[in-house]
Amino acid sequence: MIEIRVLTPADPADWPLWRDARLASLAEAPYAFKVRLADWPTGGEEQWRARFARADAVHVVAVGADGQPVGLAGGLPGPDDGRDGGRDGGGGVSELRSVWVGPRARGRGIGDGLLGAVEAWARRRGSTSLRLAVLPGNAAAVALYRRHGFVDAGGDGANGAAERVMLKRLTA
């Protein structure tokens, strides 16, 4: 059995779980992330601790029966900056980040659960759309996102990176 858990900075046991999930994702799927496992000792931990401490973000981890993380996803508020060509409906944009499901958990609906938890968070905060950026060549991720209603939004990812930007409109 795999449990989808929303982590909080207030629980001291949650940071190590988030860290372990993040390290596992970077080690297993380096092709899926801009940051590299090698970045961790030179500032990665500080960056991820700061992100984990944000009260306006959500951190979701899938935990296996053995207590080990087998997936993660995050959500951050996104600037309503027009990068999506005005397709966000004029309201607030949230961003889906760092989605990963480990090999032993793939094909079991874990990605669906992770995306569902981040989407629920975005809806609770009143977002009208959820945006993500996926690196080129990650066809499995694109298929997961399309299955959840994401469409190509055009443009590049953060800081002009060569990423595929996708968007999902959220309805009330």
C-alpha atoms as a PDB file:
ATOM      1  CA  MET A   1       0.000   0.000   0.000  1.00  0.00           C
ATOM      2  CA  ILE A   2       1.212   3.497  -0.821  1.00  0.00           C
ATOM      3  CA  GLU A   3       0.102   6.560   1.118  1.00  0.00           C
ATOM      4  CA  ILE A   4      -0.071  10.069  -0.384  1.00  0.00           C
ATOM      5  CA  ARG A   5       0.952  12.513   2.360  1.00  0.00           C
ATOM      6  CA  VAL A   6       0.821  16.308   2.361  1.00  0.00           C
ATOM      7  CA  LEU A   7       3.824  17.434   4.376  1.00  0.00           C
ATOM      8  CA  THR A   8       4.103  20.538   6.523  1.00  0.00           C
ATOM      9  CA  PRO A   9       7.075  22.558   7.756  1.00  0.00           C
ATOM     10  CA  ALA A  10       5.534  22.425  11.246  1.00  0.00           C
ATOM     11  CA  ASP A  11       6.145  18.672  11.560  1.00  0.00           C
ATOM     12  CA  PRO A  12       9.855  18.049  12.238  1.00  0.00           C
ATOM     13  CA  ALA A  13       9.605  14.563  10.716  1.00  0.00           C
ATOM     14  CA  ASP A  14       8.433  15.930   7.365  1.00  0.00           C
ATOM     15  CA  TRP A  15      11.620  17.720   6.233  1.00  0.00           C
ATOM     16  CA  PRO A  16      13.726  14.505   6.239  1.00  0.00           C
ATOM     17  CA  LEU A  17      11.010  12.701   4.277  1.00  0.00           C
ATOM     18  CA  TRP A  18      10.885  15.516   1.693  1.00  0.00           C
ATOM     19  CA  ARG A  19      14.706  15.547   1.504  1.00  0.00           C
ATOM     20  CA  ASP A  20      14.856  11.762   1.002  1.00  0.00           C
ATOM     21  CA  ALA A  21      12.199  11.909  -1.710  1.00  0.00           C
ATOM     22  CA  ARG A  22      13.969  14.770  -3.454  1.00  0.00           C
ATOM     23  CA  LEU A  23      17.354  13.026  -3.343  1.00  0.00           C
ATOM     24  CA  ALA A  24      15.807   9.784  -4.625  1.00  0.00           C
ATOM     25  CA  SER A  25      14.162  11.654  -7.506  1.00  0.00           C
ATOM     26  CA  LEU A  26      17.399  13.385  -8.508  1.00  0.00           C
ATOM     27  CA  ALA A  27      19.369  10.131  -8.329  1.00  0.00           C
ATOM     28  CA  GLU A  28      16.837   8.025 -10.231  1.00  0.00           C
ATOM     29  CA  ALA A  29      15.607  10.505 -12.862  1.00  0.00           C
ATOM     30  CA  PRO A  30      18.262  13.151 -13.569  1.00  0.00           C
ATOM     31  CA  TYR A  31      16.761  13.635 -17.040  1.00  0.00           C
ATOM     32  CA  ALA A  32      13.585  15.048 -15.487  1.00  0.00           C
ATOM     33  CA  PHE A  33      15.003  17.955 -13.464  1.00  0.00           C
ATOM     34  CA  LYS A  34      17.080  21.060 -14.090  1.00  0.00           C
ATOM     35  CA  VAL A  35      18.827  20.740 -10.714  1.00  0.00           C
ATOM     36  CA  ARG A  36      21.288  17.874 -10.335  1.00  0.00           C
ATOM     37  CA  LEU A  37      22.113  15.582  -7.434  1.00  0.00           C
ATOM     38  CA  ALA A  38      25.661  16.988  -7.528  1.00  0.00           C
ATOM     39  CA  ASP A  39      24.200  20.445  -6.703  1.00  0.00           C
ATOM     40  CA  TRP A  40      22.964  19.219  -3.318  1.00  0.00           C
ATOM     41  CA  PRO A  41      26.173  19.657  -1.262  1.00  0.00           C
ATOM     42  CA  THR A  42      26.830  23.085  -2.800  1.00  0.00           C
ATOM     43  CA  GLY A  43      23.564  24.785  -1.989  1.00  0.00           C
ATOM     44  CA  GLY A  44      20.831  22.381  -2.968  1.00  0.00           C
ATOM     45  CA  GLU A  45      19.837  21.592   0.599  1.00  0.00           C
ATOM     46  CA  GLU A  46      19.616  25.273   1.509  1.00  0.00           C
ATOM     47  CA  GLN A  47      17.453  25.957  -1.540  1.00  0.00           C
ATOM     48  CA  TRP A  48      15.126  23.029  -0.833  1.00  0.00           C
ATOM     49  CA  ARG A  49      14.866  23.828   2.898  1.00  0.00           C
ATOM     50  CA  ALA A  50      13.824  27.378   1.975  1.00  0.00           C
ATOM     51  CA  ARG A  51      11.213  26.097  -0.450  1.00  0.00           C
ATOM     52  CA  PHE A  52       9.943  23.531   2.058  1.00  0.00           C
ATOM     53  CA  ALA A  53       9.557  26.262   4.694  1.00  0.00           C
ATOM     54  CA  ARG A  54       7.255  28.368   2.494  1.00  0.00           C
ATOM     55  CA  ALA A  55       3.796  28.565   4.051  1.00  0.00           C
ATOM     56  CA  ASP A  56       2.224  29.311   0.648  1.00  0.00           C
ATOM     57  CA  ALA A  57       3.510  26.096  -0.978  1.00  0.00           C
ATOM     58  CA  VAL A  58       2.428  22.464  -0.845  1.00  0.00           C
ATOM     59  CA  HIS A  59       4.702  19.411  -0.600  1.00  0.00           C
ATOM     60  CA  VAL A  60       3.293  15.973  -1.324  1.00  0.00           C
ATOM     61  CA  VAL A  61       5.117  12.664  -0.925  1.00  0.00           C
ATOM     62  CA  ALA A  62       4.033   9.132  -1.763  1.00  0.00           C
ATOM     63  CA  VAL A  63       5.281   6.748   0.925  1.00  0.00           C
ATOM     64  CA  GLY A  64       5.574   2.989   0.501  1.00  0.00           C
ATOM     65  CA  ALA A  65       4.651   0.407   3.122  1.00  0.00           C
ATOM     66  CA  ASP A  66       8.318   0.359   4.159  1.00  0.00           C
ATOM     67  CA  GLY A  67       8.174   4.080   5.024  1.00  0.00           C
ATOM     68  CA  GLN A  68      10.389   5.041   2.102  1.00  0.00           C
ATOM     69  CA  PRO A  69       9.345   7.766  -0.357  1.00  0.00           C
ATOM     70  CA  VAL A  70       8.351   6.513  -3.802  1.00  0.00           C
ATOM     71  CA  GLY A  71       7.084   9.774  -5.285  1.00  0.00           C
ATOM     72  CA  LEU A  72       6.778  13.498  -4.778  1.00  0.00           C
ATOM     73  CA  ALA A  73       5.219  16.648  -6.180  1.00  0.00           C
ATOM     74  CA  GLY A  74       5.091  20.254  -5.128  1.00  0.00           C
ATOM     75  CA  GLY A  75       3.000  23.311  -5.717  1.00  0.00           C
ATOM     76  CA  LEU A  76       4.019  26.950  -5.591  1.00  0.00           C
ATOM     77  CA  PRO A  77       2.127  30.154  -6.222  1.00  0.00           C
ATOM     78  CA  GLY A  78       2.963  31.384  -9.687  1.00  0.00           C
ATOM     79  CA  PRO A  79       3.141  34.967 -10.793  1.00  0.00           C
ATOM     80  CA  ASP A  80       0.307  36.055 -13.050  1.00  0.00           C
ATOM     81  CA  ASP A  81       2.966  37.310 -15.412  1.00  0.00           C
ATOM     82  CA  GLY A  82       1.448  36.615 -18.827  1.00  0.00           C
ATOM     83  CA  ARG A  83       3.996  33.915 -19.730  1.00  0.00           C
ATOM     84  CA  ASP A  84       1.121  31.641 -20.691  1.00  0.00           C
ATOM     85  CA  GLY A  85      -0.136  34.013 -23.381  1.00  0.00           C
ATOM     86  CA  GLY A  86      -3.183  35.063 -21.375  1.00  0.00           C
ATOM     87  CA  ARG A  87      -4.613  31.532 -21.294  1.00  0.00           C
ATOM     88  CA  ASP A  88      -4.925  31.470 -17.508  1.00  0.00           C
ATOM     89  CA  GLY A  89      -8.291  33.193 -17.503  1.00  0.00           C
ATOM     90  CA  GLY A  90      -6.993  36.337 -15.847  1.00  0.00           C
ATOM     91  CA  GLY A  91      -6.854  34.868 -12.348  1.00  0.00           C
ATOM     92  CA  GLY A  92      -4.232  33.371 -10.115  1.00  0.00           C
ATOM     93  CA  VAL A  93      -1.770  30.841 -11.405  1.00  0.00           C
ATOM     94  CA  SER A  94      -0.261  28.062  -9.326  1.00  0.00           C
ATOM     95  CA  GLU A  95       2.698  26.000 -10.456  1.00  0.00           C
ATOM     96  CA  LEU A  96       3.108  22.230 -10.325  1.00  0.00           C
ATOM     97  CA  ARG A  97       6.737  21.360  -9.607  1.00  0.00           C
ATOM     98  CA  SER A  98       9.109  18.432  -9.081  1.00  0.00           C
ATOM     99  CA  VAL A  99       6.800  15.561  -9.998  1.00  0.00           C
ATOM    100  CA  TRP A 100       8.453  12.152  -9.719  1.00  0.00           C
ATOM    101  CA  VAL A 101       7.337   8.573  -9.193  1.00  0.00           C
ATOM    102  CA  GLY A 102       9.971   5.940  -8.491  1.00  0.00           C
ATOM    103  CA  PRO A 103      10.264   2.865 -10.716  1.00  0.00           C
ATOM    104  CA  ARG A 104       8.781   0.455  -8.151  1.00  0.00           C
ATOM    105  CA  ALA A 105       5.630   2.580  -7.877  1.00  0.00           C
ATOM    106  CA  ARG A 106       5.029   3.446 -11.527  1.00  0.00           C
ATOM    107  CA  GLY A 107       1.865   2.278 -13.223  1.00  0.00           C
ATOM    108  CA  ARG A 108      -0.078   2.173  -9.946  1.00  0.00           C
ATOM    109  CA  GLY A 109      -1.815   5.566 -10.039  1.00  0.00           C
ATOM    110  CA  ILE A 110       0.702   7.311  -7.784  1.00  0.00           C
ATOM    111  CA  GLY A 111       1.263  10.131 -10.286  1.00  0.00           C
ATOM    112  CA  ASP A 112      -2.502  10.631 -10.396  1.00  0.00           C
ATOM    113  CA  GLY A 113      -2.627  10.900  -6.599  1.00  0.00           C
ATOM    114  CA  LEU A 114       0.265  13.357  -6.456  1.00  0.00           C
ATOM    115  CA  LEU A 115      -1.226  15.586  -9.170  1.00  0.00           C
ATOM    116  CA  GLY A 116      -4.640  15.393  -7.533  1.00  0.00           C
ATOM    117  CA  ALA A 117      -3.240  16.587  -4.201  1.00  0.00           C
ATOM    118  CA  VAL A 118      -1.475  19.568  -5.780  1.00  0.00           C
ATOM    119  CA  GLU A 119      -4.539  20.437  -7.860  1.00  0.00           C
ATOM    120  CA  ALA A 120      -6.733  20.337  -4.743  1.00  0.00           C
ATOM    121  CA  TRP A 121      -4.299  22.727  -3.012  1.00  0.00           C
ATOM    122  CA  ALA A 122      -4.397  25.087  -6.017  1.00  0.00           C
ATOM    123  CA  ARG A 123      -8.194  25.087  -6.021  1.00  0.00           C
ATOM    124  CA  ARG A 124      -8.311  25.797  -2.267  1.00  0.00           C
ATOM    125  CA  ARG A 125      -6.084  28.828  -2.767  1.00  0.00           C
ATOM    126  CA  GLY A 126      -8.427  30.118  -5.484  1.00  0.00           C
ATOM    127  CA  SER A 127      -6.184  29.557  -8.480  1.00  0.00           C
ATOM    128  CA  THR A 128      -7.821  29.602 -11.883  1.00  0.00           C
ATOM    129  CA  SER A 129      -5.050  27.598 -13.534  1.00  0.00           C
ATOM    130  CA  LEU A 130      -2.199  25.241 -12.806  1.00  0.00           C
ATOM    131  CA  ARG A 131       0.984  25.583 -14.865  1.00  0.00           C
ATOM    132  CA  LEU A 132       3.992  23.319 -15.221  1.00  0.00           C
ATOM    133  CA  ALA A 133       7.160  23.047 -17.262  1.00  0.00           C
ATOM    134  CA  VAL A 134       8.522  19.702 -18.418  1.00  0.00           C
ATOM    135  CA  LEU A 135      11.948  19.071 -19.917  1.00  0.00           C
ATOM    136  CA  PRO A 136      12.134  17.900 -23.543  1.00  0.00           C
ATOM    137  CA  GLY A 137      11.993  14.157 -24.093  1.00  0.00           C
ATOM    138  CA  ASN A 138       9.972  13.297 -20.980  1.00  0.00           C
ATOM    139  CA  ALA A 139       7.111  11.664 -22.868  1.00  0.00           C
ATOM    140  CA  ALA A 140       5.799   9.720 -19.859  1.00  0.00           C
ATOM    141  CA  ALA A 141       5.350  12.948 -17.883  1.00  0.00           C
ATOM    142  CA  VAL A 142       3.659  14.688 -20.816  1.00  0.00           C
ATOM    143  CA  ALA A 143       1.236  11.747 -21.130  1.00  0.00           C
ATOM    144  CA  LEU A 144       0.419  11.958 -17.404  1.00  0.00           C
ATOM    145  CA  TYR A 145      -0.186  15.704 -17.637  1.00  0.00           C
ATOM    146  CA  ARG A 146      -2.367  15.383 -20.750  1.00  0.00           C
ATOM    147  CA  ARG A 147      -4.427  12.698 -19.012  1.00  0.00           C
ATOM    148  CA  HIS A 148      -5.092  15.252 -16.274  1.00  0.00           C
ATOM    149  CA  GLY A 149      -6.259  17.935 -18.698  1.00  0.00           C
ATOM    150  CA  PHE A 150      -3.063  19.925 -19.235  1.00  0.00           C
ATOM    151  CA  VAL A 151      -2.546  21.425 -22.687  1.00  0.00           C
ATOM    152  CA  ASP A 152       0.423  23.062 -24.340  1.00  0.00           C
ATOM    153  CA  ALA A 153       0.623  26.717 -23.343  1.00  0.00           C
ATOM    154  CA  GLY A 154       3.504  27.778 -25.575  1.00  0.00           C
ATOM    155  CA  GLY A 155       6.550  29.689 -24.461  1.00  0.00           C
ATOM    156  CA  ASP A 156       9.561  28.662 -22.469  1.00  0.00           C
ATOM    157  CA  GLY A 157       9.882  27.657 -18.850  1.00  0.00           C
ATOM    158  CA  ALA A 158      11.366  29.724 -16.052  1.00  0.00           C
ATOM    159  CA  ASN A 159      14.254  31.975 -16.981  1.00  0.00           C
ATOM    160  CA  GLY A 160      13.783  31.177 -20.675  1.00  0.00           C
ATOM    161  CA  ALA A 161      14.739  27.521 -20.221  1.00  0.00           C
ATOM    162  CA  ALA A 162      13.920  25.167 -23.088  1.00  0.00           C
ATOM    163  CA  GLU A 163      10.992  23.480 -21.384  1.00  0.00           C
ATOM    164  CA  ARG A 164       7.523  22.587 -22.578  1.00  0.00           C
ATOM    165  CA  VAL A 165       5.015  24.728 -20.679  1.00  0.00           C
ATOM    166  CA  MET A 166       1.624  23.169 -20.061  1.00  0.00           C
ATOM    167  CA  LEU A 167      -1.469  24.622 -18.434  1.00  0.00           C
ATOM    168  CA  LYS A 168      -4.700  23.367 -16.948  1.00  0.00           C
ATOM    169  CA  ARG A 169      -7.647  25.656 -16.330  1.00  0.00           C
ATOM    170  CA  LEU A 170      -9.292  25.056 -12.989  1.00  0.00           C
ATOM    171  CA  THR A 171     -13.031  25.433 -12.734  1.00  0.00           C
ATOM    172  CA  ALA A 172     -15.020  26.124  -9.599  1.00  0.00           C
END
